[in-house]
Amino acid sequence: MYAVIMLRSNVGVKKPIKDTLELLRLHKINHCVFLDENEYNKGMLQKVKDFVAWGEVDKETLMTIMEERGRLIGNIRLKDVSLEDTSFGSLDLFVEALLSGKANFNDIPTLKPVFRLHPPRKGHKGIKKSFKAGGELGYHGDKINDLLLKMR
């Protein structure tokens, strides 16, 4: 599962890139979405690589983001609500099902799919360079977990 974070604004951007960001549900800076790893999503991420950071998320980081930044409709915190009335029973089982591909965010109908993150503690390394060149943009691999924990 990919974690995708929008780091740069879409003001003055060409229409195809702006449309791709809308399809990814990334409308504002520091918003994060989680996507399945498939060819369609990889193609969209390559198209917007100069505006987002993405990589593979692990279970502990996804659990932390869901607890601290997960919201239900009505701005109700996810950690304040019991998931016992769903088929998963707990947030831990839901996160495991998400990572294994057995569930998606639509299985909890009131869960918002976009996570509003805090700006990173100690700041970005740079939002004009790619990750390989010493910045924050583009593919991070496993290192996206470090950025997500800075932004929790």
Protein backbone atom coordinates (compact mmCIF):
# COMPACT_ATOMS: atom_id res chain seq x y z
CA MET A 1 0.00 0.00 0.00
CA TYR A 2 1.31 3.44 -0.97
CA ALA A 3 1.16 6.53 1.21
CA VAL A 4 0.94 9.67 -0.94
CA ILE A 5 1.48 13.16 0.54
CA MET A 6 0.92 16.40 -1.38
CA LEU A 7 3.85 18.73 -0.71
CA ARG A 8 3.51 21.46 -3.34
CA SER A 9 0.58 23.64 -4.38
CA ASN A 10 -1.27 23.10 -7.65
CA VAL A 11 -1.54 26.83 -8.43
CA GLY A 12 -0.46 27.53 -12.00
CA VAL A 13 -0.14 23.86 -12.87
CA LYS A 14 -1.16 22.37 -16.23
CA LYS A 15 -4.67 20.95 -16.36
CA PRO A 16 -3.73 17.22 -16.80
CA ILE A 17 -1.60 17.30 -13.65
CA LYS A 18 -4.27 19.20 -11.70
CA ASP A 19 -6.89 16.64 -12.82
CA THR A 20 -4.66 13.77 -11.72
CA LEU A 21 -4.23 15.36 -8.28
CA GLU A 22 -8.03 15.64 -8.02
CA LEU A 23 -8.41 11.96 -8.96
CA LEU A 24 -5.98 11.13 -6.17
CA ARG A 25 -8.14 13.26 -3.78
CA LEU A 26 -5.20 15.56 -3.06
CA HIS A 27 -6.58 19.10 -2.93
CA LYS A 28 -4.41 20.79 -0.29
CA ILE A 29 -0.82 20.75 0.90
CA ASN A 30 0.03 18.19 3.63
CA HIS A 31 -2.95 15.99 2.79
CA CYS A 32 -2.26 12.26 2.65
CA VAL A 33 -4.07 9.36 0.97
CA PHE A 34 -3.36 5.65 0.92
CA LEU A 35 -3.53 3.80 -2.42
CA ASP A 36 -3.28 0.20 -3.55
CA GLU A 37 -0.17 -0.80 -5.45
CA ASN A 38 -1.34 -1.28 -9.05
CA GLU A 39 -0.32 -0.06 -12.49
CA TYR A 40 -3.01 2.65 -12.65
CA ASN A 41 -1.91 4.27 -9.42
CA LYS A 42 1.78 3.98 -10.36
CA GLY A 43 1.09 5.81 -13.62
CA MET A 44 -0.79 8.60 -11.86
CA LEU A 45 2.00 8.94 -9.29
CA GLN A 46 4.61 9.22 -12.04
CA LYS A 47 2.58 12.01 -13.60
CA VAL A 48 2.45 14.07 -10.36
CA LYS A 49 5.90 13.14 -9.04
CA ASP A 50 6.96 16.81 -8.87
CA PHE A 51 4.17 17.65 -6.41
CA VAL A 52 3.90 14.62 -4.10
CA ALA A 53 6.00 12.24 -2.02
CA TRP A 54 5.06 8.56 -1.92
CA GLY A 55 6.31 5.16 -0.81
CA GLU A 56 5.33 1.89 0.83
CA VAL A 57 3.83 2.29 4.29
CA ASP A 58 4.34 -0.24 7.08
CA LYS A 59 1.81 -1.41 9.67
CA GLU A 60 3.08 0.62 12.65
CA THR A 61 3.09 3.89 10.71
CA LEU A 62 -0.35 3.29 9.22
CA MET A 63 -1.68 2.47 12.67
CA THR A 64 -0.20 5.69 14.08
CA ILE A 65 -1.66 7.84 11.29
CA MET A 66 -5.08 6.19 11.62
CA GLU A 67 -5.12 6.77 15.40
CA GLU A 68 -3.86 10.35 15.40
CA ARG A 69 -5.23 11.75 12.13
CA GLY A 70 -8.11 9.44 11.21
CA ARG A 71 -11.48 11.16 11.21
CA LEU A 72 -15.08 10.10 10.71
CA ILE A 73 -17.77 12.29 9.22
CA GLY A 74 -18.49 15.07 11.71
CA ASN A 75 -14.78 15.44 12.57
CA ILE A 76 -14.98 12.61 15.12
CA ARG A 77 -11.57 11.13 15.93
CA LEU A 78 -11.16 7.52 14.91
CA LYS A 79 -9.44 6.53 18.16
CA ASP A 80 -12.43 7.85 20.15
CA VAL A 81 -14.84 5.46 18.39
CA SER A 82 -15.12 1.72 18.81
CA LEU A 83 -15.09 -0.34 15.61
CA GLU A 84 -16.77 -3.31 17.29
CA ASP A 85 -19.98 -2.78 15.30
CA THR A 86 -18.05 -3.30 12.03
CA SER A 87 -16.89 -6.64 10.68
CA PHE A 88 -13.31 -5.90 11.81
CA GLY A 89 -13.86 -5.46 15.53
CA SER A 90 -10.82 -3.24 16.17
CA LEU A 91 -8.62 -0.70 14.46
CA ASP A 92 -5.66 -3.09 14.54
CA LEU A 93 -7.56 -5.75 12.58
CA PHE A 94 -8.78 -3.11 10.11
CA VAL A 95 -5.20 -1.93 9.46
CA GLU A 96 -4.04 -5.52 8.90
CA ALA A 97 -6.90 -6.09 6.46
CA LEU A 98 -6.02 -2.87 4.61
CA LEU A 99 -2.39 -3.87 4.19
CA SER A 100 -3.25 -7.40 3.07
CA GLY A 101 -5.74 -6.11 0.48
CA LYS A 102 -8.79 -7.75 2.07
CA ALA A 103 -10.38 -4.40 2.95
CA ASN A 104 -10.49 -0.84 1.70
CA PHE A 105 -11.50 2.49 3.19
CA ASN A 106 -15.08 2.13 1.90
CA ASP A 107 -15.70 -0.75 4.34
CA ILE A 108 -16.17 1.85 7.09
CA PRO A 109 -18.63 4.17 5.34
CA THR A 110 -18.13 7.20 7.58
CA LEU A 111 -14.30 7.11 7.46
CA LYS A 112 -12.74 10.01 5.56
CA PRO A 113 -10.16 8.76 3.01
CA VAL A 114 -7.99 11.90 3.22
CA PHE A 115 -5.77 12.47 6.25
CA ARG A 116 -4.83 16.06 7.14
CA LEU A 117 -1.24 16.00 8.37
CA HIS A 118 0.78 18.51 10.38
CA PRO A 119 3.76 20.21 8.67
CA PRO A 120 6.87 18.12 9.38
CA ARG A 121 8.72 18.62 12.62
CA LYS A 122 12.18 20.12 11.91
CA GLY A 123 10.93 21.08 8.41
CA HIS A 124 11.31 19.63 4.94
CA LYS A 125 14.67 18.93 3.35
CA GLY A 126 13.41 20.83 0.31
CA ILE A 127 10.29 20.67 -1.84
CA LYS A 128 11.93 21.62 -5.12
CA LYS A 129 14.25 18.60 -5.43
CA SER A 130 13.55 14.92 -5.79
CA PHE A 131 14.27 12.51 -2.95
CA LYS A 132 17.31 11.14 -4.78
CA ALA A 133 18.73 14.67 -5.17
CA GLY A 134 18.34 15.44 -1.45
CA GLY A 135 14.79 16.84 -1.39
CA GLU A 136 11.37 15.45 -0.47
CA LEU A 137 9.55 14.97 -3.80
CA GLY A 138 8.99 11.68 -5.58
CA TYR A 139 9.41 8.05 -4.60
CA HIS A 140 10.75 7.41 -1.08
CA GLY A 141 10.38 3.66 -0.78
CA ASP A 142 10.39 2.61 2.88
CA LYS A 143 11.66 6.05 3.97
CA ILE A 144 8.13 7.50 3.56
CA ASN A 145 7.46 6.13 7.04
CA ASP A 146 10.02 8.56 8.49
CA LEU A 147 8.32 11.50 6.76
CA LEU A 148 4.87 10.35 7.91
CA LEU A 149 6.04 10.12 11.51
CA LYS A 150 7.48 13.65 11.27
CA MET A 151 4.10 14.84 10.00
CA ARG A 152 1.81 12.94 12.38
